[in-house]
Every structure is written in structure tokens, then in C-alpha cells.
C-alpha atoms as a PDB file:
ATOM      1  CA  MET A   1     -10.517  15.623  16.722  1.00  0.00           C
ATOM      2  CA  GLU A   2      -8.009  16.472  14.002  1.00  0.00           C
ATOM      3  CA  GLU A   3      -8.036  16.184  10.246  1.00  0.00           C
ATOM      4  CA  THR A   4      -6.326  12.944   9.223  1.00  0.00           C
ATOM      5  CA  LYS A   5      -4.423  13.385   5.965  1.00  0.00           C
ATOM      6  CA  THR A   6      -3.847  10.607   3.454  1.00  0.00           C
ATOM      7  CA  LEU A   7      -0.316  10.898   2.119  1.00  0.00           C
ATOM      8  CA  ALA A   8       0.923   9.250  -1.076  1.00  0.00           C
ATOM      9  CA  ALA A   9       3.919   6.951  -0.710  1.00  0.00           C
ATOM     10  CA  THR A  10       6.145   9.318  -2.689  1.00  0.00           C
ATOM     11  CA  ASP A  11       9.363  11.005  -1.604  1.00  0.00           C
ATOM     12  CA  ALA A  12       7.344  14.117  -0.746  1.00  0.00           C
ATOM     13  CA  GLY A  13       4.716  12.134   1.170  1.00  0.00           C
ATOM     14  CA  ILE A  14       7.342  10.213   3.136  1.00  0.00           C
ATOM     15  CA  LEU A  15       9.168  13.454   4.010  1.00  0.00           C
ATOM     16  CA  GLN A  16       5.894  15.024   5.176  1.00  0.00           C
ATOM     17  CA  ALA A  17       5.161  11.951   7.315  1.00  0.00           C
ATOM     18  CA  ALA A  18       8.668  12.075   8.846  1.00  0.00           C
ATOM     19  CA  ASN A  19       8.217  15.763   9.682  1.00  0.00           C
ATOM     20  CA  LEU A  20       4.887  15.047  11.380  1.00  0.00           C
ATOM     21  CA  LEU A  21       6.550  12.303  13.438  1.00  0.00           C
ATOM     22  CA  ARG A  22       9.368  14.660  14.463  1.00  0.00           C
ATOM     23  CA  SER A  23       6.754  17.120  15.741  1.00  0.00           C
ATOM     24  CA  GLY A  24       5.301  14.445  18.025  1.00  0.00           C
ATOM     25  CA  ARG A  25       2.310  13.566  15.844  1.00  0.00           C
ATOM     26  CA  LEU A  26       1.071  10.058  15.002  1.00  0.00           C
ATOM     27  CA  VAL A  27       1.312   8.648  11.471  1.00  0.00           C
ATOM     28  CA  ALA A  28       0.058   5.263  10.264  1.00  0.00           C
ATOM     29  CA  PHE A  29       2.305   3.558   7.724  1.00  0.00           C
ATOM     30  CA  PRO A  30       2.382   0.265   5.823  1.00  0.00           C
ATOM     31  CA  THR A  31       4.574  -2.672   6.706  1.00  0.00           C
ATOM     32  CA  GLU A  32       4.603  -6.026   4.965  1.00  0.00           C
ATOM     33  CA  THR A  33       2.447  -7.405   7.794  1.00  0.00           C
ATOM     34  CA  VAL A  34      -0.186  -4.773   8.703  1.00  0.00           C
ATOM     35  CA  TYR A  35      -0.335  -0.975   8.946  1.00  0.00           C
ATOM     36  CA  GLY A  36       1.428   0.349  12.047  1.00  0.00           C
ATOM     37  CA  LEU A  37       0.532   3.422  14.090  1.00  0.00           C
ATOM     38  CA  GLY A  38       3.866   5.185  14.368  1.00  0.00           C
ATOM     39  CA  GLY A  39       5.119   7.624  16.981  1.00  0.00           C
ATOM     40  CA  ASP A  40       8.530   8.632  18.307  1.00  0.00           C
ATOM     41  CA  ALA A  41       9.465   5.831  20.724  1.00  0.00           C
ATOM     42  CA  ARG A  42      11.624   8.230  22.761  1.00  0.00           C
ATOM     43  CA  GLN A  43       8.867  10.706  23.686  1.00  0.00           C
ATOM     44  CA  ASP A  44       6.541   9.925  26.591  1.00  0.00           C
ATOM     45  CA  GLU A  45       3.784  12.244  25.403  1.00  0.00           C
ATOM     46  CA  THR A  46       3.837  10.854  21.859  1.00  0.00           C
ATOM     47  CA  VAL A  47       3.721   7.252  23.054  1.00  0.00           C
ATOM     48  CA  ALA A  48       0.874   8.139  25.414  1.00  0.00           C
ATOM     49  CA  ARG A  49      -1.021   9.456  22.373  1.00  0.00           C
ATOM     50  CA  ILE A  50      -0.642   6.040  20.714  1.00  0.00           C
ATOM     51  CA  PHE A  51      -2.291   4.337  23.685  1.00  0.00           C
ATOM     52  CA  ALA A  52      -5.032   6.982  23.792  1.00  0.00           C
ATOM     53  CA  ALA A  53      -5.799   6.812  20.051  1.00  0.00           C
ATOM     54  CA  LYS A  54      -6.097   3.023  20.150  1.00  0.00           C
ATOM     55  CA  GLY A  55      -7.740   2.749  23.565  1.00  0.00           C
ATOM     56  CA  ARG A  56      -4.942   0.295  24.346  1.00  0.00           C
ATOM     57  CA  PRO A  57      -4.223  -0.838  27.922  1.00  0.00           C
ATOM     58  CA  ARG A  58      -0.942   0.614  29.193  1.00  0.00           C
ATOM     59  CA  PHE A  59       0.341  -2.760  30.414  1.00  0.00           C
ATOM     60  CA  ASN A  60       0.498  -4.034  26.808  1.00  0.00           C
ATOM     61  CA  PRO A  61       3.986  -3.216  25.404  1.00  0.00           C
ATOM     62  CA  LEU A  62       4.672  -1.881  21.906  1.00  0.00           C
ATOM     63  CA  ILE A  63       7.038  -2.977  19.150  1.00  0.00           C
ATOM     64  CA  VAL A  64       9.900  -0.630  18.274  1.00  0.00           C
ATOM     65  CA  HIS A  65      10.555  -0.402  14.533  1.00  0.00           C
ATOM     66  CA  VAL A  66      14.054   0.456  13.305  1.00  0.00           C
ATOM     67  CA  PRO A  67      15.713   0.463   9.864  1.00  0.00           C
ATOM     68  CA  SER A  68      18.603  -1.945  10.502  1.00  0.00           C
ATOM     69  CA  LEU A  69      20.236  -4.449  12.824  1.00  0.00           C
ATOM     70  CA  ALA A  70      22.745  -1.763  13.816  1.00  0.00           C
ATOM     71  CA  ALA A  71      19.880   0.502  14.883  1.00  0.00           C
ATOM     72  CA  ALA A  72      18.257  -2.397  16.763  1.00  0.00           C
ATOM     73  CA  GLU A  73      21.499  -2.966  18.700  1.00  0.00           C
ATOM     74  CA  ARG A  74      21.273   0.610  19.964  1.00  0.00           C
ATOM     75  CA  VAL A  75      18.040  -0.218  21.849  1.00  0.00           C
ATOM     76  CA  ALA A  76      18.450  -3.941  22.657  1.00  0.00           C
ATOM     77  CA  VAL A  77      21.193  -6.330  23.807  1.00  0.00           C
ATOM     78  CA  PHE A  78      21.865  -9.028  21.200  1.00  0.00           C
ATOM     79  CA  ASP A  79      23.582 -12.313  21.953  1.00  0.00           C
ATOM     80  CA  ALA A  80      24.882 -14.690  19.277  1.00  0.00           C
ATOM     81  CA  ARG A  81      21.459 -16.379  18.879  1.00  0.00           C
ATOM     82  CA  ALA A  82      19.631 -13.114  18.414  1.00  0.00           C
ATOM     83  CA  ARG A  83      22.187 -11.784  15.961  1.00  0.00           C
ATOM     84  CA  ALA A  84      22.032 -14.998  13.905  1.00  0.00           C
ATOM     85  CA  VAL A  85      18.230 -14.972  13.743  1.00  0.00           C
ATOM     86  CA  ALA A  86      18.139 -11.264  12.915  1.00  0.00           C
ATOM     87  CA  THR A  87      20.714 -11.740  10.161  1.00  0.00           C
ATOM     88  CA  ALA A  88      18.684 -14.607   8.703  1.00  0.00           C
ATOM     89  CA  PHE A  89      15.220 -13.003   8.780  1.00  0.00           C
ATOM     90  CA  TRP A  90      15.589  -9.212   8.877  1.00  0.00           C
ATOM     91  CA  PRO A  91      14.239  -7.211   7.261  1.00  0.00           C
ATOM     92  CA  GLY A  92      11.041  -9.217   7.575  1.00  0.00           C
ATOM     93  CA  PRO A  93       8.009 -10.223   9.654  1.00  0.00           C
ATOM     94  CA  LEU A  94       9.934 -11.136  12.819  1.00  0.00           C
ATOM     95  CA  THR A  95       9.991  -9.295  16.155  1.00  0.00           C
ATOM     96  CA  LEU A  96      12.588 -10.161  18.798  1.00  0.00           C
ATOM     97  CA  VAL A  97      12.028  -9.607  22.522  1.00  0.00           C
ATOM     98  CA  LEU A  98      15.431  -8.908  24.052  1.00  0.00           C
ATOM     99  CA  PRO A  99      16.916  -7.206  27.114  1.00  0.00           C
ATOM    100  CA  GLN A 100      16.666  -3.439  26.720  1.00  0.00           C
ATOM    101  CA  ARG A 101      20.050  -1.756  26.354  1.00  0.00           C
ATOM    102  CA  SER A 102      20.993   0.630  29.144  1.00  0.00           C
ATOM    103  CA  GLY A 103      20.656   4.192  27.922  1.00  0.00           C
ATOM    104  CA  ALA A 104      18.469   3.204  24.962  1.00  0.00           C
ATOM    105  CA  GLY A 105      16.444   6.349  25.517  1.00  0.00           C
ATOM    106  CA  LEU A 106      13.046   4.718  24.963  1.00  0.00           C
ATOM    107  CA  SER A 107       9.958   5.905  26.777  1.00  0.00           C
ATOM    108  CA  PRO A 108       9.123   3.436  29.586  1.00  0.00           C
ATOM    109  CA  LEU A 109       5.570   3.407  28.195  1.00  0.00           C
ATOM    110  CA  VAL A 110       6.887   1.528  25.147  1.00  0.00           C
ATOM    111  CA  THR A 111       8.101  -1.403  27.239  1.00  0.00           C
ATOM    112  CA  ALA A 112       5.373  -1.213  29.914  1.00  0.00           C
ATOM    113  CA  ASP A 113       8.246  -0.721  32.376  1.00  0.00           C
ATOM    114  CA  LEU A 114       9.610  -4.194  31.594  1.00  0.00           C
ATOM    115  CA  PRO A 115      13.384  -4.799  31.314  1.00  0.00           C
ATOM    116  CA  THR A 116      12.861  -6.133  27.780  1.00  0.00           C
ATOM    117  CA  VAL A 117      12.050  -4.470  24.469  1.00  0.00           C
ATOM    118  CA  ALA A 118      10.316  -5.839  21.360  1.00  0.00           C
ATOM    119  CA  VAL A 119      12.152  -4.738  18.222  1.00  0.00           C
ATOM    120  CA  ARG A 120      11.847  -5.381  14.508  1.00  0.00           C
ATOM    121  CA  VAL A 121      13.227  -4.301  11.126  1.00  0.00           C
ATOM    122  CA  PRO A 122      10.325  -4.230   8.637  1.00  0.00           C
ATOM    123  CA  ALA A 123      10.777  -5.184   4.985  1.00  0.00           C
ATOM    124  CA  HIS A 124       8.186  -2.903   3.347  1.00  0.00           C
ATOM    125  CA  PRO A 125      10.027  -0.312   1.217  1.00  0.00           C
ATOM    126  CA  VAL A 126       7.742   2.516   2.377  1.00  0.00           C
ATOM    127  CA  ALA A 127       8.293   1.638   6.040  1.00  0.00           C
ATOM    128  CA  ARG A 128      12.045   1.473   5.493  1.00  0.00           C
ATOM    129  CA  ALA A 129      12.099   4.812   3.671  1.00  0.00           C
ATOM    130  CA  LEU A 130      10.064   6.413   6.463  1.00  0.00           C
ATOM    131  CA  LEU A 131      12.356   5.050   9.177  1.00  0.00           C
ATOM    132  CA  GLU A 132      15.421   6.347   7.341  1.00  0.00           C
ATOM    133  CA  ALA A 133      13.809   9.764   6.820  1.00  0.00           C
ATOM    134  CA  PHE A 134      12.678   9.982  10.446  1.00  0.00           C
ATOM    135  CA  GLY A 135      16.055   8.937  11.797  1.00  0.00           C
ATOM    136  CA  GLY A 136      14.950   7.308  15.045  1.00  0.00           C
ATOM    137  CA  PRO A 137      13.006   4.397  16.546  1.00  0.00           C
ATOM    138  CA  LEU A 138       9.249   4.319  15.982  1.00  0.00           C
ATOM    139  CA  ALA A 139       6.834   2.653  18.375  1.00  0.00           C
ATOM    140  CA  ALA A 140       4.177   1.176  16.100  1.00  0.00           C
ATOM    141  CA  PRO A 141       1.367  -1.151  17.158  1.00  0.00           C
ATOM    142  CA  SER A 142      -1.273  -2.023  14.560  1.00  0.00           C
ATOM    143  CA  ALA A 143      -3.169   1.076  13.421  1.00  0.00           C
ATOM    144  CA  ASN A 144      -6.634   0.161  14.668  1.00  0.00           C
ATOM    145  CA  PRO A 145      -8.724   0.515  17.838  1.00  0.00           C
ATOM    146  CA  SER A 146      -7.420  -1.917  20.451  1.00  0.00           C
ATOM    147  CA  GLY A 147      -8.888  -5.399  20.246  1.00  0.00           C
ATOM    148  CA  ARG A 148     -10.392  -4.868  16.793  1.00  0.00           C
ATOM    149  CA  VAL A 149      -9.423  -6.217  13.375  1.00  0.00           C
ATOM    150  CA  SER A 150      -5.954  -5.165  12.246  1.00  0.00           C
ATOM    151  CA  PRO A 151      -5.645  -2.949   9.143  1.00  0.00           C
ATOM    152  CA  THR A 152      -4.071  -4.144   5.907  1.00  0.00           C
ATOM    153  CA  ARG A 153      -5.124  -1.142   3.797  1.00  0.00           C
ATOM    154  CA  ALA A 154      -5.093   2.620   4.358  1.00  0.00           C
ATOM    155  CA  ALA A 155      -8.913   2.649   4.213  1.00  0.00           C
ATOM    156  CA  HIS A 156      -8.992   0.240   7.191  1.00  0.00           C
ATOM    157  CA  VAL A 157      -6.882   2.695   9.204  1.00  0.00           C
ATOM    158  CA  LEU A 158      -9.187   5.590   8.383  1.00  0.00           C
ATOM    159  CA  ALA A 159     -12.268   3.547   9.282  1.00  0.00           C
ATOM    160  CA  GLY A 160     -10.957   3.130  12.833  1.00  0.00           C
ATOM    161  CA  LEU A 161      -8.716   6.113  13.577  1.00  0.00           C
ATOM    162  CA  ALA A 162      -9.744   9.029  11.338  1.00  0.00           C
ATOM    163  CA  GLY A 163      -9.797  12.210  13.410  1.00  0.00           C
ATOM    164  CA  GLN A 164      -7.417  10.793  16.031  1.00  0.00           C
ATOM    165  CA  ILE A 165      -4.113  10.711  14.128  1.00  0.00           C
ATOM    166  CA  ALA A 166      -2.304  13.183  11.879  1.00  0.00           C
ATOM    167  CA  ALA A 167      -1.924  11.089   8.740  1.00  0.00           C
ATOM    168  CA  VAL A 168      -1.852   7.708   7.057  1.00  0.00           C
ATOM    169  CA  LEU A 169       0.856   6.979   4.508  1.00  0.00           C
ATOM    170  CA  ASP A 170      -0.884   4.942   1.786  1.00  0.00           C
ATOM    171  CA  GLY A 171       1.358   2.140   0.560  1.00  0.00           C
ATOM    172  CA  GLY A 172      -1.409  -0.126  -0.755  1.00  0.00           C
ATOM    173  CA  ALA A 173      -2.391  -3.538   0.577  1.00  0.00           C
ATOM    174  CA  CYS A 174      -0.021  -5.373   2.940  1.00  0.00           C
ATOM    175  CA  ALA A 175       1.449  -8.492   1.341  1.00  0.00           C
ATOM    176  CA  VAL A 176       1.781 -10.759   4.427  1.00  0.00           C
ATOM    177  CA  GLY A 177      -1.460  -9.697   6.106  1.00  0.00           C
ATOM    178  CA  VAL A 178      -0.885 -10.985   9.662  1.00  0.00           C
ATOM    179  CA  GLU A 179       1.340  -9.408  12.291  1.00  0.00           C
ATOM    180  CA  SER A 180       4.973 -10.354  12.804  1.00  0.00           C
ATOM    181  CA  THR A 181       6.045 -13.504  14.582  1.00  0.00           C
ATOM    182  CA  ILE A 182       7.375 -12.597  18.045  1.00  0.00           C
ATOM    183  CA  LEU A 183      10.311 -14.622  19.403  1.00  0.00           C
ATOM    184  CA  GLY A 184      11.471 -14.196  22.987  1.00  0.00           C
ATOM    185  CA  LEU A 185      15.261 -14.454  23.324  1.00  0.00           C
ATOM    186  CA  ASP A 186      15.619 -12.764  26.704  1.00  0.00           C
ATOM    187  CA  GLY A 187      16.156 -16.047  28.583  1.00  0.00           C
ATOM    188  CA  ASP A 188      18.018 -19.314  28.248  1.00  0.00           C
ATOM    189  CA  SER A 189      15.409 -20.919  25.978  1.00  0.00           C
ATOM    190  CA  PRO A 190      13.724 -19.288  22.973  1.00  0.00           C
ATOM    191  CA  ARG A 191       9.943 -18.843  23.293  1.00  0.00           C
ATOM    192  CA  LEU A 192       7.285 -18.240  20.673  1.00  0.00           C
ATOM    193  CA  LEU A 193       5.356 -15.293  22.096  1.00  0.00           C
ATOM    194  CA  ARG A 194       3.108 -14.791  19.058  1.00  0.00           C
ATOM    195  CA  PRO A 195       2.832 -16.794  15.831  1.00  0.00           C
ATOM    196  CA  GLY A 196       2.866 -14.565  12.800  1.00  0.00           C
ATOM    197  CA  GLY A 197       4.141 -13.880   9.314  1.00  0.00           C
ATOM    198  CA  LEU A 198       7.326 -15.932   9.718  1.00  0.00           C
ATOM    199  CA  PRO A 199       6.468 -19.629  10.176  1.00  0.00           C
ATOM    200  CA  LEU A 200       7.657 -21.322  13.368  1.00  0.00           C
ATOM    201  CA  GLU A 201       9.254 -24.077  11.309  1.00  0.00           C
ATOM    202  CA  ALA A 202      11.663 -21.586   9.712  1.00  0.00           C
ATOM    203  CA  LEU A 203      12.759 -20.282  13.105  1.00  0.00           C
ATOM    204  CA  GLU A 204      13.260 -23.793  14.507  1.00  0.00           C
ATOM    205  CA  ALA A 205      15.366 -24.709  11.488  1.00  0.00           C
ATOM    206  CA  ALA A 206      17.509 -21.599  11.921  1.00  0.00           C
ATOM    207  CA  LEU A 207      18.026 -22.179  15.663  1.00  0.00           C
ATOM    208  CA  GLY A 208      18.390 -25.944  15.349  1.00  0.00           C
ATOM    209  CA  GLN A 209      15.936 -26.609  18.182  1.00  0.00           C
ATOM    210  CA  GLN A 210      12.271 -26.736  19.022  1.00  0.00           C
ATOM    211  CA  ILE A 211      10.691 -23.533  20.299  1.00  0.00           C
ATOM    212  CA  ALA A 212       8.161 -23.666  23.122  1.00  0.00           C
ATOM    213  CA  SER A 213       5.207 -21.318  23.398  1.00  0.00           C
ATOM    214  CA  GLY A 214       5.375 -18.586  26.027  1.00  0.00           C
ATOM    215  CA  GLY A 215       3.722 -15.369  27.091  1.00  0.00           C
ATOM    216  CA  SER A 216       0.763 -14.532  29.295  1.00  0.00           C
ATOM    217  CA  ALA A 217      -2.567 -12.802  28.622  1.00  0.00           C
ATOM    218  CA  ALA A 218      -2.622 -11.639  32.249  1.00  0.00           C
ATOM    219  CA  LYS A 219       0.863 -10.071  32.118  1.00  0.00           C
ATOM    220  CA  PRO A 220       1.932  -9.700  28.479  1.00  0.00           C
ATOM    221  CA  ASN A 221       5.599  -9.157  27.670  1.00  0.00           C
ATOM    222  CA  ALA A 222       4.882  -8.618  23.979  1.00  0.00           C
ATOM    223  CA  PRO A 223       1.904  -7.517  21.861  1.00  0.00           C
ATOM    224  CA  GLY A 224      -0.802  -9.882  20.656  1.00  0.00           C
ATOM    225  CA  GLN A 225      -1.158 -11.943  23.841  1.00  0.00           C
ATOM    226  CA  LEU A 226      -4.537 -10.694  25.079  1.00  0.00           C
ATOM    227  CA  ALA A 227      -7.152 -13.453  25.006  1.00  0.00           C
ATOM    228  CA  SER A 228      -9.718 -11.401  23.083  1.00  0.00           C
ATOM    229  CA  HIS A 229      -8.185  -9.552  20.154  1.00  0.00           C
ATOM    230  CA  TYR A 230      -8.593  -8.952  16.400  1.00  0.00           C
ATOM    231  CA  ALA A 231     -12.368  -9.024  16.995  1.00  0.00           C
ATOM    232  CA  PRO A 232     -15.110  -7.989  14.557  1.00  0.00           C
ATOM    233  CA  ALA A 233     -18.496  -6.864  15.876  1.00  0.00           C
ATOM    234  CA  ALA A 234     -20.070 -10.187  14.855  1.00  0.00           C
ATOM    235  CA  VAL A 235     -19.778 -13.393  16.876  1.00  0.00           C
ATOM    236  CA  VAL A 236     -17.190 -15.761  15.375  1.00  0.00           C
ATOM    237  CA  ARG A 237     -17.453 -19.577  15.173  1.00  0.00           C
ATOM    238  CA  LEU A 238     -14.493 -21.713  14.116  1.00  0.00           C
ATOM    239  CA  ASN A 239     -13.896 -25.029  12.334  1.00  0.00           C
ATOM    240  CA  ALA A 240     -17.185 -24.845  10.440  1.00  0.00           C
ATOM    241  CA  HIS A 241     -17.819 -27.078   7.428  1.00  0.00           C
ATOM    242  CA  ALA A 242     -21.160 -25.448   6.657  1.00  0.00           C
ATOM    243  CA  ALA A 243     -23.008 -22.308   7.670  1.00  0.00           C
ATOM    244  CA  GLU A 244     -25.701 -22.406  10.311  1.00  0.00           C
ATOM    245  CA  THR A 245     -28.814 -20.287   9.935  1.00  0.00           C
ATOM    246  CA  GLY A 246     -27.945 -16.603   9.763  1.00  0.00           C
ATOM    247  CA  GLU A 247     -24.171 -17.093   9.499  1.00  0.00           C
ATOM    248  CA  ILE A 248     -21.748 -15.722   6.937  1.00  0.00           C
ATOM    249  CA  LEU A 249     -19.402 -18.589   6.070  1.00  0.00           C
ATOM    250  CA  VAL A 250     -15.765 -17.852   5.213  1.00  0.00           C
ATOM    251  CA  GLY A 251     -14.410 -20.865   3.385  1.00  0.00           C
ATOM    252  CA  PHE A 252     -10.942 -22.318   2.892  1.00  0.00           C
ATOM    253  CA  GLY A 253      -9.881 -24.968   0.396  1.00  0.00           C
ATOM    254  CA  PRO A 254     -12.670 -27.481  -0.232  1.00  0.00           C
ATOM    255  CA  VAL A 255     -15.084 -25.717   2.136  1.00  0.00           C
ATOM    256  CA  ARG A 256     -16.858 -23.134  -0.009  1.00  0.00           C
ATOM    257  CA  GLY A 257     -18.481 -20.120   1.597  1.00  0.00           C
ATOM    258  CA  ASP A 258     -19.972 -16.700   1.008  1.00  0.00           C
ATOM    259  CA  LEU A 259     -16.334 -15.556   1.041  1.00  0.00           C
ATOM    260  CA  THR A 260     -13.144 -17.592   0.987  1.00  0.00           C
ATOM    261  CA  LEU A 261      -9.682 -17.166   2.475  1.00  0.00           C
ATOM    262  CA  SER A 262      -8.253 -19.249  -0.370  1.00  0.00           C
ATOM    263  CA  ALA A 263     -10.177 -21.535  -2.699  1.00  0.00           C
ATOM    264  CA  ALA A 264      -6.887 -23.284  -3.471  1.00  0.00           C
ATOM    265  CA  GLY A 265      -6.086 -23.870   0.202  1.00  0.00           C
ATOM    266  CA  ASP A 266      -3.024 -21.595  -0.067  1.00  0.00           C
ATOM    267  CA  LEU A 267      -1.949 -20.414   3.404  1.00  0.00           C
ATOM    268  CA  VAL A 268       0.027 -17.444   2.045  1.00  0.00           C
ATOM    269  CA  GLU A 269      -3.052 -16.221   0.164  1.00  0.00           C
ATOM    270  CA  ALA A 270      -5.225 -16.878   3.235  1.00  0.00           C
ATOM    271  CA  ALA A 271      -2.961 -14.912   5.585  1.00  0.00           C
ATOM    272  CA  ALA A 272      -2.867 -11.938   3.219  1.00  0.00           C
ATOM    273  CA  ALA A 273      -6.676 -11.953   2.951  1.00  0.00           C
ATOM    274  CA  LEU A 274      -7.568 -12.701   6.589  1.00  0.00           C
ATOM    275  CA  PHE A 275      -8.120  -9.269   8.126  1.00  0.00           C
ATOM    276  CA  HIS A 276      -9.718  -7.780   5.007  1.00  0.00           C
ATOM    277  CA  LEU A 277     -12.167 -10.700   4.850  1.00  0.00           C
ATOM    278  CA  LEU A 278     -12.896 -10.409   8.575  1.00  0.00           C
ATOM    279  CA  ARG A 279     -13.993  -6.836   7.926  1.00  0.00           C
ATOM    280  CA  GLU A 280     -15.967  -7.802   4.820  1.00  0.00           C
ATOM    281  CA  ALA A 281     -17.730 -10.674   6.582  1.00  0.00           C
ATOM    282  CA  ASP A 282     -18.518  -8.398   9.510  1.00  0.00           C
ATOM    283  CA  ALA A 283     -20.183  -5.906   7.159  1.00  0.00           C
ATOM    284  CA  LEU A 284     -22.184  -8.681   5.481  1.00  0.00           C
ATOM    285  CA  ALA A 285     -23.251 -10.148   8.832  1.00  0.00           C
ATOM    286  CA  GLY A 286     -24.602  -6.797  10.032  1.00  0.00           C
ATOM    287  CA  PRO A 287     -25.680  -5.866  13.576  1.00  0.00           C
ATOM    288  CA  GLY A 288     -25.908  -8.891  15.865  1.00  0.00           C
ATOM    289  CA  GLY A 289     -24.507 -11.058  13.085  1.00  0.00           C
ATOM    290  CA  ARG A 290     -22.469 -14.246  13.102  1.00  0.00           C
ATOM    291  CA  ILE A 291     -19.467 -15.394  11.099  1.00  0.00           C
ATOM    292  CA  ALA A 292     -18.265 -18.975  10.664  1.00  0.00           C
ATOM    293  CA  PHE A 293     -14.748 -19.880   9.478  1.00  0.00           C
ATOM    294  CA  ALA A 294     -13.763 -23.120   7.781  1.00  0.00           C
ATOM    295  CA  PRO A 295     -10.919 -25.160   9.315  1.00  0.00           C
ATOM    296  CA  VAL A 296      -7.376 -24.012   8.527  1.00  0.00           C
ATOM    297  CA  PRO A 297      -4.391 -26.378   8.988  1.00  0.00           C
ATOM    298  CA  GLU A 298      -2.289 -25.710  12.108  1.00  0.00           C
ATOM    299  CA  THR A 299       0.980 -25.551  10.190  1.00  0.00           C
ATOM    300  CA  GLY A 300       3.147 -22.836   8.649  1.00  0.00           C
ATOM    301  CA  LEU A 301       1.203 -19.580   8.322  1.00  0.00           C
ATOM    302  CA  GLY A 302      -1.915 -21.511   9.363  1.00  0.00           C
ATOM    303  CA  ARG A 303      -0.633 -21.312  12.942  1.00  0.00           C
ATOM    304  CA  ALA A 304      -0.790 -17.497  12.816  1.00  0.00           C
ATOM    305  CA  ILE A 305      -4.176 -17.504  11.056  1.00  0.00           C
ATOM    306  CA  ASN A 306      -5.672 -19.812  13.685  1.00  0.00           C
ATOM    307  CA  ASP A 307      -4.166 -17.767  16.511  1.00  0.00           C
ATOM    308  CA  ARG A 308      -5.913 -14.629  15.193  1.00  0.00           C
ATOM    309  CA  LEU A 309      -9.188 -16.472  14.638  1.00  0.00           C
ATOM    310  CA  ARG A 310      -9.182 -17.996  18.138  1.00  0.00           C
ATOM    311  CA  ARG A 311      -8.681 -14.558  19.655  1.00  0.00           C
ATOM    312  CA  ALA A 312     -11.379 -13.083  17.384  1.00  0.00           C
ATOM    313  CA  ALA A 313     -13.762 -15.789  18.614  1.00  0.00           C
ATOM    314  CA  ALA A 314     -12.863 -15.469  22.311  1.00  0.00           C
ATOM    315  CA  PRO A 315     -15.418 -14.039  24.782  1.00  0.00           C
ATOM    316  CA  ARG A 316     -15.253 -10.255  24.810  1.00  0.00           C
ATOM    317  CA  PRO A 317     -14.165  -8.500  28.019  1.00  0.00           C
END
């Protein structure tokens, strides 16, 4: 166990976080999507600490965070499609899975020994400042125990990882609230590997074609593909219009509940609130409790919300 410091998102705090990362320590930091658990993506021992702190299976690859497209091209091979999509949506909540560049210098633990790498340029100003100060690629899965609810506040990180990481850089609540969309561009046809903070419709419009779903829970080639994930302690039921006995109901739009993702039916508001409300509902439900979620439209950010809820409701391994 180690003391986990909370660092303010000031120039001094960011410099301290960068120095900890250079020494091989782990630091959680805010992105626009969720808080990431950062470590030097080039160091085997550091990346191994990420897996150990989270209790994450080693076959589940990590996302590499970099400050710019130029930095991303140093670790991945971009074709014209990838460069066009990156130019359109970076910095932002989009991860691209691309062929790893020869000599990229990444730990093979980051990619789970696959020939591809997942890479993204985050938009959060604190994340960008940290990446610039650190000066290298950061492997950064969500900063929570594996399979549990992702963190959108520094307090969420501490609740799950205090004593196991060096520090959390407190940048406030995450604006998007669900993880990045992951697009596979390592083959002839683009594949949606994980719905997320960038709606599928925007990607299809940019590419001028429909994007099929891809990925495998048995052999993931990107994060967020495990069948059971984002899970609270309580049992989760979906598409509920009313609570059953003993349930905490999380409403949406016209379905009112003990809590609500968005009374106005706003998908942006719902995505930003999702993981915080999952934690709050879990606390209200208590030991052996149950949570019911109102239906959410399967469009735009609703696709990412429903993906997280289905995985939260899946049978636990």
C-alpha cells in the first residue's frame, strides 16, 4: 500500500504528476470521457503495475494517450482514412485501432502482443497539459478496479484505487462521462469496436459509409469488449418503466425514478451522469440490492449508454 496524493490541476500539480510518471509511478488524470490510470506506455514494469492495480486481465489491451496526431503517428501507421478521421475528431472522445508502427517502443503488455495499437488524443486541457509535460505516450485505461463502474470524478478514483497508485490529478467532473468511441481501421472495412462519446452517426458521415460492429469478448482487440463490465455491486435490470419491489429506479425522460439520467430526455446530460448515478444508485440499493434503468433510445450517445448498461447487467464471471 502507498499513500495516494490528490494533486490540484495547477501548473505545479501537473509538473508533480509528470515527474511521478517519469519515475515509473501510476497517476490517475481526467479526460473529457472518464478518469484514466496513466503509466509510461514504454515501460514493461510500469504497465504491469496498471494491470495489477486494476486487477485487469492481461489479454485486454490498453489505450495509448498522446498529445497530437504527430505523436500518434510515431506509434501507429495511419492511412488516408485514419488521418482524415483523426483530423476531423481529434482531440476528442475517439480511439483508433491501427497497425502498430515498427520501432514504436511500446511495451508489448500495452497491446496484449497484438500487431495493432489503440491510440487517442484527448481533449481535456488537464490531460493535454500532462501529456505535454510528460513528453511521451501514456497507457491509460479507466482508473477503477477492472469490471467496475468507471470514474468521472477524482473521488471515484480514490474509492477504488486509493493505496494502489501514487496520485490522482483532480480536474473536476468529466464532461462526456462515457469512454471514447473505438474505431478499428486496421483492415479493409472500418469496424465499431466500442460505442462511446463520439456518436456512430458522426463517424459514418465523415467516412461516407456505414460502419459494422466488430470485436470479440473472447479475444478483445480493444478495451471495453468484455461481456460483463462497468458493473455495480447491485443487480441491474434494463428497460424498466416502473420499479419492482426493492428496486432503485433510475429514470430517463418521461419515466421518473428515485434518480434520473435526464428528466428532459437529453442524451448528452444522460451520458455525463451515467457512471456517477450508477454509483449513487448502488449506494442507495445497499447490499444485495437491485437497480432498474428506464429505456434509453438506441441512437447517438444512447448507443454508448445502452452498451454500458447491458454490460453492467450481464451475468458476472
